[in-house]
């Protein structure tokens, strides 16, 4: 039991050190909105947060393409 906590802490630090914040554009806002909506729609907050992250990231990329003047792909 004493060994589990330090191993988990080291693993968490290693994962957080690799996070790229630029790639998560739109994900945080979408995850918050999706998590709240999922919670109120039958206690599915985690599934709502995951779906919200995907949708938020997609919308942020779409907005970035429009801002840069590129034609949206179909």
PDB file of N, CA and C in Angstrom:
ATOM      1  N   UNK A   1       0.826  -1.196   0.000  1.00  0.00           N
ATOM      2  CA  UNK A   1       0.000   0.000   0.000  1.00  0.00           C
ATOM      3  C   UNK A   1       0.864   1.251   0.000  1.00  0.00           C
ATOM      4  N   UNK A   2       1.997   1.181   0.667  1.00  0.00           N
ATOM      5  CA  UNK A   2       2.874   2.348   0.747  1.00  0.00           C
ATOM      6  C   UNK A   2       3.548   2.646  -0.587  1.00  0.00           C
ATOM      7  N   UNK A   3       3.714   1.643  -1.414  1.00  0.00           N
ATOM      8  CA  UNK A   3       4.394   1.828  -2.690  1.00  0.00           C
ATOM      9  C   UNK A   3       3.446   2.337  -3.779  1.00  0.00           C
ATOM     10  N   UNK A   4       2.162   2.076  -3.649  1.00  0.00           N
ATOM     11  CA  UNK A   4       1.202   2.429  -4.686  1.00  0.00           C
ATOM     12  C   UNK A   4       1.088   3.942  -4.864  1.00  0.00           C
ATOM     13  N   UNK A   5       1.003   4.677  -3.779  1.00  0.00           N
ATOM     14  CA  UNK A   5       0.811   6.125  -3.874  1.00  0.00           C
ATOM     15  C   UNK A   5       1.978   6.832  -4.574  1.00  0.00           C
ATOM     16  N   UNK A   6       3.233   6.555  -4.226  1.00  0.00           N
ATOM     17  CA  UNK A   6       4.329   7.217  -4.956  1.00  0.00           C
ATOM     18  C   UNK A   6       4.393   6.835  -6.436  1.00  0.00           C
ATOM     19  N   UNK A   7       4.065   5.591  -6.747  1.00  0.00           N
ATOM     20  CA  UNK A   7       4.082   5.155  -8.145  1.00  0.00           C
ATOM     21  C   UNK A   7       2.987   5.867  -8.931  1.00  0.00           C
ATOM     22  N   UNK A   8       1.796   5.978  -8.352  1.00  0.00           N
ATOM     23  CA  UNK A   8       0.716   6.696  -9.025  1.00  0.00           C
ATOM     24  C   UNK A   8       1.040   8.179  -9.178  1.00  0.00           C
ATOM     25  N   UNK A   9       1.637   8.773  -8.165  1.00  0.00           N
ATOM     26  CA  UNK A   9       2.002  10.189  -8.244  1.00  0.00           C
ATOM     27  C   UNK A   9       3.047  10.426  -9.332  1.00  0.00           C
ATOM     28  N   UNK A  10       4.031   9.548  -9.425  1.00  0.00           N
ATOM     29  CA  UNK A  10       5.055   9.693 -10.459  1.00  0.00           C
ATOM     30  C   UNK A  10       4.448   9.523 -11.853  1.00  0.00           C
ATOM     31  N   UNK A  11       3.529   8.584 -11.992  1.00  0.00           N
ATOM     32  CA  UNK A  11       2.861   8.386 -13.279  1.00  0.00           C
ATOM     33  C   UNK A  11       2.016   9.587 -13.667  1.00  0.00           C
ATOM     34  N   UNK A  12       1.316  10.159 -12.703  1.00  0.00           N
ATOM     35  CA  UNK A  12       0.496  11.339 -12.985  1.00  0.00           C
ATOM     36  C   UNK A  12       1.360  12.517 -13.389  1.00  0.00           C
ATOM     37  N   UNK A  13       2.478  12.704 -12.711  1.00  0.00           N
ATOM     38  CA  UNK A  13       3.381  13.798 -13.077  1.00  0.00           C
ATOM     39  C   UNK A  13       3.953  13.604 -14.479  1.00  0.00           C
ATOM     40  N   UNK A  14       4.266  12.371 -14.834  1.00  0.00           N
ATOM     41  CA  UNK A  14       4.795  12.098 -16.170  1.00  0.00           C
ATOM     42  C   UNK A  14       3.747  12.393 -17.243  1.00  0.00           C
ATOM     43  N   UNK A  15       2.487  12.055 -16.962  1.00  0.00           N
ATOM     44  CA  UNK A  15       1.430  12.335 -17.933  1.00  0.00           C
ATOM     45  C   UNK A  15       1.170  13.825 -18.067  1.00  0.00           C
ATOM     46  N   UNK A  16       1.137  14.538 -16.954  1.00  0.00           N
ATOM     47  CA  UNK A  16       0.865  15.967 -17.005  1.00  0.00           C
ATOM     48  C   UNK A  16       2.012  16.742 -17.646  1.00  0.00           C
ATOM     49  N   UNK A  17       3.209  16.217 -17.584  1.00  0.00           N
ATOM     50  CA  UNK A  17       4.346  16.895 -18.191  1.00  0.00           C
ATOM     51  C   UNK A  17       4.276  16.839 -19.717  1.00  0.00           C
ATOM     52  N   UNK A  18       3.517  15.895 -20.254  1.00  0.00           N
ATOM     53  CA  UNK A  18       3.442  15.718 -21.704  1.00  0.00           C
ATOM     54  C   UNK A  18       2.244  16.397 -22.337  1.00  0.00           C
ATOM     55  N   UNK A  19       1.424  17.055 -21.563  1.00  0.00           N
ATOM     56  CA  UNK A  19       0.209  17.678 -22.088  1.00  0.00           C
ATOM     57  C   UNK A  19       0.569  18.886 -22.944  1.00  0.00           C
ATOM     58  N   UNK A  20      -0.013  18.956 -24.122  1.00  0.00           N
ATOM     59  CA  UNK A  20       0.181  20.077 -25.031  1.00  0.00           C
ATOM     60  C   UNK A  20      -1.072  20.944 -24.974  1.00  0.00           C
ATOM     61  N   UNK A  21      -0.957  22.133 -24.405  1.00  0.00           N
ATOM     62  CA  UNK A  21      -2.135  22.968 -24.213  1.00  0.00           C
ATOM     63  C   UNK A  21      -2.662  23.546 -25.517  1.00  0.00           C
ATOM     64  N   UNK A  22      -1.817  23.720 -26.517  1.00  0.00           N
ATOM     65  CA  UNK A  22      -2.282  24.291 -27.776  1.00  0.00           C
ATOM     66  C   UNK A  22      -3.199  23.324 -28.520  1.00  0.00           C
ATOM     67  N   UNK A  23      -3.013  22.039 -28.348  1.00  0.00           N
ATOM     68  CA  UNK A  23      -3.838  21.056 -29.034  1.00  0.00           C
ATOM     69  C   UNK A  23      -5.213  20.910 -28.393  1.00  0.00           C
ATOM     70  N   UNK A  24      -5.382  21.426 -27.185  1.00  0.00           N
ATOM     71  CA  UNK A  24      -6.642  21.274 -26.474  1.00  0.00           C
ATOM     72  C   UNK A  24      -7.557  22.477 -26.646  1.00  0.00           C
ATOM     73  N   UNK A  25      -7.345  23.246 -27.683  1.00  0.00           N
ATOM     74  CA  UNK A  25      -8.148  24.451 -27.879  1.00  0.00           C
ATOM     75  C   UNK A  25      -9.605  24.070 -28.093  1.00  0.00           C
ATOM     76  N   UNK A  26     -10.476  24.615 -27.273  1.00  0.00           N
ATOM     77  CA  UNK A  26     -11.902  24.344 -27.363  1.00  0.00           C
ATOM     78  C   UNK A  26     -12.347  23.144 -26.554  1.00  0.00           C
ATOM     79  N   UNK A  27     -11.415  22.315 -26.147  1.00  0.00           N
ATOM     80  CA  UNK A  27     -11.766  21.089 -25.436  1.00  0.00           C
ATOM     81  C   UNK A  27     -12.253  21.373 -24.021  1.00  0.00           C
ATOM     82  N   UNK A  28     -11.589  22.259 -23.317  1.00  0.00           N
ATOM     83  CA  UNK A  28     -11.943  22.519 -21.925  1.00  0.00           C
ATOM     84  C   UNK A  28     -13.353  23.103 -21.821  1.00  0.00           C
ATOM     85  N   UNK A  29     -13.635  24.100 -22.632  1.00  0.00           N
ATOM     86  CA  UNK A  29     -14.958  24.724 -22.602  1.00  0.00           C
ATOM     87  C   UNK A  29     -16.039  23.716 -22.985  1.00  0.00           C
ATOM     88  N   UNK A  30     -15.784  22.926 -24.010  1.00  0.00           N
ATOM     89  CA  UNK A  30     -16.743  21.914 -24.440  1.00  0.00           C
ATOM     90  C   UNK A  30     -16.944  20.831 -23.398  1.00  0.00           C
ATOM     91  N   UNK A  31     -15.864  20.451 -22.710  1.00  0.00           N
ATOM     92  CA  UNK A  31     -15.970  19.421 -21.684  1.00  0.00           C
ATOM     93  C   UNK A  31     -16.798  19.904 -20.497  1.00  0.00           C
ATOM     94  N   UNK A  32     -16.627  21.165 -20.129  1.00  0.00           N
ATOM     95  CA  UNK A  32     -17.413  21.704 -19.018  1.00  0.00           C
ATOM     96  C   UNK A  32     -18.891  21.741 -19.385  1.00  0.00           C
ATOM     97  N   UNK A  33     -19.203  22.258 -20.549  1.00  0.00           N
ATOM     98  CA  UNK A  33     -20.597  22.344 -20.987  1.00  0.00           C
ATOM     99  C   UNK A  33     -21.195  20.945 -21.157  1.00  0.00           C
ATOM    100  N   UNK A  34     -20.451  20.055 -21.793  1.00  0.00           N
ATOM    101  CA  UNK A  34     -20.936  18.694 -21.992  1.00  0.00           C
ATOM    102  C   UNK A  34     -21.092  17.931 -20.694  1.00  0.00           C
ATOM    103  N   UNK A  35     -20.191  18.150 -19.747  1.00  0.00           N
ATOM    104  CA  UNK A  35     -20.290  17.483 -18.454  1.00  0.00           C
ATOM    105  C   UNK A  35     -21.521  17.911 -17.676  1.00  0.00           C
ATOM    106  N   UNK A  36     -21.797  19.195 -17.696  1.00  0.00           N
ATOM    107  CA  UNK A  36     -22.989  19.699 -17.003  1.00  0.00           C
ATOM    108  C   UNK A  36     -24.249  19.177 -17.684  1.00  0.00           C
ATOM    109  N   UNK A  37     -24.275  19.231 -19.011  1.00  0.00           N
ATOM    110  CA  UNK A  37     -25.449  18.738 -19.740  1.00  0.00           C
ATOM    111  C   UNK A  37     -25.638  17.239 -19.518  1.00  0.00           C
ATOM    112  N   UNK A  38     -24.538  16.488 -19.537  1.00  0.00           N
ATOM    113  CA  UNK A  38     -24.630  15.050 -19.307  1.00  0.00           C
ATOM    114  C   UNK A  38     -25.083  14.714 -17.900  1.00  0.00           C
ATOM    115  N   UNK A  39     -24.662  15.506 -16.936  1.00  0.00           N
ATOM    116  CA  UNK A  39     -25.079  15.278 -15.554  1.00  0.00           C
ATOM    117  C   UNK A  39     -26.587  15.448 -15.406  1.00  0.00           C
ATOM    118  N   UNK A  40     -27.118  16.479 -15.998  1.00  0.00           N
ATOM    119  CA  UNK A  40     -28.554  16.727 -15.892  1.00  0.00           C
ATOM    120  C   UNK A  40     -29.371  15.815 -16.794  1.00  0.00           C
ATOM    121  N   UNK A  41     -28.749  15.186 -17.761  1.00  0.00           N
ATOM    122  CA  UNK A  41     -29.472  14.284 -18.666  1.00  0.00           C
ATOM    123  C   UNK A  41     -29.238  12.829 -18.261  1.00  0.00           C
ATOM    124  N   UNK A  42     -29.386  12.535 -17.007  1.00  0.00           N
ATOM    125  CA  UNK A  42     -29.327  11.147 -16.574  1.00  0.00           C
ATOM    126  C   UNK A  42     -28.025  10.743 -15.922  1.00  0.00           C
ATOM    127  N   UNK A  43     -27.322  11.671 -15.302  1.00  0.00           N
ATOM    128  CA  UNK A  43     -26.078  11.381 -14.579  1.00  0.00           C
ATOM    129  C   UNK A  43     -25.013  10.737 -15.466  1.00  0.00           C
ATOM    130  N   UNK A  44     -24.830  11.287 -16.649  1.00  0.00           N
ATOM    131  CA  UNK A  44     -23.808  10.818 -17.580  1.00  0.00           C
ATOM    132  C   UNK A  44     -22.788  11.932 -17.813  1.00  0.00           C
ATOM    133  N   UNK A  45     -22.256  12.475 -16.738  1.00  0.00           N
ATOM    134  CA  UNK A  45     -21.351  13.610 -16.826  1.00  0.00           C
ATOM    135  C   UNK A  45     -20.057  13.296 -17.549  1.00  0.00           C
ATOM    136  N   UNK A  46     -19.480  12.116 -17.323  1.00  0.00           N
ATOM    137  CA  UNK A  46     -18.212  11.772 -17.972  1.00  0.00           C
ATOM    138  C   UNK A  46     -18.377  11.595 -19.476  1.00  0.00           C
ATOM    139  N   UNK A  47     -19.456  10.943 -19.873  1.00  0.00           N
ATOM    140  CA  UNK A  47     -19.699  10.786 -21.313  1.00  0.00           C
ATOM    141  C   UNK A  47     -19.989  12.134 -21.962  1.00  0.00           C
ATOM    142  N   UNK A  48     -20.721  12.987 -21.265  1.00  0.00           N
ATOM    143  CA  UNK A  48     -20.999  14.321 -21.779  1.00  0.00           C
ATOM    144  C   UNK A  48     -19.743  15.155 -21.899  1.00  0.00           C
ATOM    145  N   UNK A  49     -18.842  15.022 -20.922  1.00  0.00           N
ATOM    146  CA  UNK A  49     -17.589  15.767 -20.968  1.00  0.00           C
ATOM    147  C   UNK A  49     -16.715  15.308 -22.131  1.00  0.00           C
ATOM    148  N   UNK A  50     -16.666  14.007 -22.374  1.00  0.00           N
ATOM    149  CA  UNK A  50     -15.870  13.487 -23.486  1.00  0.00           C
ATOM    150  C   UNK A  50     -16.438  13.956 -24.825  1.00  0.00           C
ATOM    151  N   UNK A  51     -17.743  13.871 -24.973  1.00  0.00           N
ATOM    152  CA  UNK A  51     -18.376  14.322 -26.218  1.00  0.00           C
ATOM    153  C   UNK A  51     -18.222  15.834 -26.386  1.00  0.00           C
ATOM    154  N   UNK A  52     -18.356  16.571 -25.298  1.00  0.00           N
ATOM    155  CA  UNK A  52     -18.193  18.019 -25.361  1.00  0.00           C
ATOM    156  C   UNK A  52     -16.793  18.421 -25.749  1.00  0.00           C
ATOM    157  N   UNK A  53     -15.812  17.679 -25.286  1.00  0.00           N
ATOM    158  CA  UNK A  53     -14.425  17.956 -25.651  1.00  0.00           C
ATOM    159  C   UNK A  53     -14.215  17.763 -27.150  1.00  0.00           C
ATOM    160  N   UNK A  54     -14.739  16.672 -27.683  1.00  0.00           N
ATOM    161  CA  UNK A  54     -14.594  16.398 -29.120  1.00  0.00           C
ATOM    162  C   UNK A  54     -15.283  17.477 -29.946  1.00  0.00           C
ATOM    163  N   UNK A  55     -16.497  17.825 -29.570  1.00  0.00           N
ATOM    164  CA  UNK A  55     -17.250  18.830 -30.321  1.00  0.00           C
ATOM    165  C   UNK A  55     -16.605  20.205 -30.185  1.00  0.00           C
ATOM    166  N   UNK A  56     -16.167  20.553 -28.977  1.00  0.00           N
ATOM    167  CA  UNK A  56     -15.519  21.847 -28.772  1.00  0.00           C
ATOM    168  C   UNK A  56     -14.231  21.979 -29.562  1.00  0.00           C
ATOM    169  N   UNK A  57     -13.453  20.901 -29.623  1.00  0.00           N
ATOM    170  CA  UNK A  57     -12.212  20.916 -30.398  1.00  0.00           C
ATOM    171  C   UNK A  57     -12.511  21.059 -31.892  1.00  0.00           C
ATOM    172  N   UNK A  58     -13.541  20.365 -32.363  1.00  0.00           N
ATOM    173  CA  UNK A  58     -13.940  20.463 -33.773  1.00  0.00           C
ATOM    174  C   UNK A  58     -14.386  21.881 -34.118  1.00  0.00           C
ATOM    175  N   UNK A  59     -15.193  22.463 -33.263  1.00  0.00           N
ATOM    176  CA  UNK A  59     -15.678  23.825 -33.513  1.00  0.00           C
ATOM    177  C   UNK A  59     -14.543  24.845 -33.476  1.00  0.00           C
ATOM    178  N   UNK A  60     -13.581  24.666 -32.583  1.00  0.00           N
ATOM    179  CA  UNK A  60     -12.441  25.579 -32.522  1.00  0.00           C
ATOM    180  C   UNK A  60     -11.600  25.483 -33.792  1.00  0.00           C
ATOM    181  N   UNK A  61     -11.424  24.263 -34.306  1.00  0.00           N
ATOM    182  CA  UNK A  61     -10.679  24.095 -35.561  1.00  0.00           C
ATOM    183  C   UNK A  61     -11.430  24.714 -36.728  1.00  0.00           C
ATOM    184  N   UNK A  62     -12.746  24.557 -36.737  1.00  0.00           N
ATOM    185  CA  UNK A  62     -13.552  25.134 -37.818  1.00  0.00           C
ATOM    186  C   UNK A  62     -13.466  26.656 -37.793  1.00  0.00           C
ATOM    187  N   UNK A  63     -13.522  27.227 -36.605  1.00  0.00           N
ATOM    188  CA  UNK A  63     -13.412  28.684 -36.477  1.00  0.00           C
ATOM    189  C   UNK A  63     -12.032  29.170 -36.899  1.00  0.00           C
ATOM    190  N   UNK A  64     -10.997  28.411 -36.565  1.00  0.00           N
ATOM    191  CA  UNK A  64      -9.635  28.789 -36.944  1.00  0.00           C
ATOM    192  C   UNK A  64      -9.461  28.747 -38.462  1.00  0.00           C
ATOM    193  N   UNK A  65     -10.077  27.753 -39.109  1.00  0.00           N
ATOM    194  CA  UNK A  65      -9.990  27.682 -40.578  1.00  0.00           C
ATOM    195  C   UNK A  65     -10.694  28.866 -41.219  1.00  0.00           C
ATOM    196  N   UNK A  66     -11.838  29.263 -40.676  1.00  0.00           N
ATOM    197  CA  UNK A  66     -12.572  30.396 -41.222  1.00  0.00           C
ATOM    198  C   UNK A  66     -11.803  31.689 -41.013  1.00  0.00           C
ATOM    199  N   UNK A  67     -11.151  31.812 -39.881  1.00  0.00           N
ATOM    200  CA  UNK A  67     -10.366  33.014 -39.572  1.00  0.00           C
ATOM    201  C   UNK A  67      -9.168  33.122 -40.498  1.00  0.00           C
ATOM    202  N   UNK A  68      -8.551  31.979 -40.820  1.00  0.00           N
ATOM    203  CA  UNK A  68      -7.384  31.992 -41.686  1.00  0.00           C
ATOM    204  C   UNK A  68      -7.734  32.099 -43.156  1.00  0.00           C
ATOM    205  N   UNK A  69      -8.989  32.024 -43.496  1.00  0.00           N
ATOM    206  CA  UNK A  69      -9.420  32.187 -44.883  1.00  0.00           C
ATOM    207  C   UNK A  69      -9.410  30.917 -45.687  1.00  0.00           C
ATOM    208  N   UNK A  70      -9.175  29.794 -45.061  1.00  0.00           N
ATOM    209  CA  UNK A  70      -9.161  28.525 -45.783  1.00  0.00           C
ATOM    210  C   UNK A  70     -10.593  28.045 -45.973  1.00  0.00           C
ATOM    211  N   UNK A  71     -10.822  27.349 -47.076  1.00  0.00           N
ATOM    212  CA  UNK A  71     -12.148  26.801 -47.350  1.00  0.00           C
ATOM    213  C   UNK A  71     -12.392  25.598 -46.448  1.00  0.00           C
ATOM    214  N   UNK A  72     -13.568  25.483 -45.830  1.00  0.00           N
ATOM    215  CA  UNK A  72     -13.839  24.340 -44.976  1.00  0.00           C
ATOM    216  C   UNK A  72     -13.936  23.062 -45.791  1.00  0.00           C
ATOM    217  N   UNK A  73     -13.389  21.978 -45.268  1.00  0.00           N
ATOM    218  CA  UNK A  73     -13.441  20.693 -45.973  1.00  0.00           C
ATOM    219  C   UNK A  73     -14.778  20.031 -45.709  1.00  0.00           C
ATOM    220  N   UNK A  74     -15.221  19.214 -46.656  1.00  0.00           N
ATOM    221  CA  UNK A  74     -16.515  18.538 -46.525  1.00  0.00           C
ATOM    222  C   UNK A  74     -16.354  17.168 -45.970  1.00  0.00           C
TER     223      UNK A  74
END
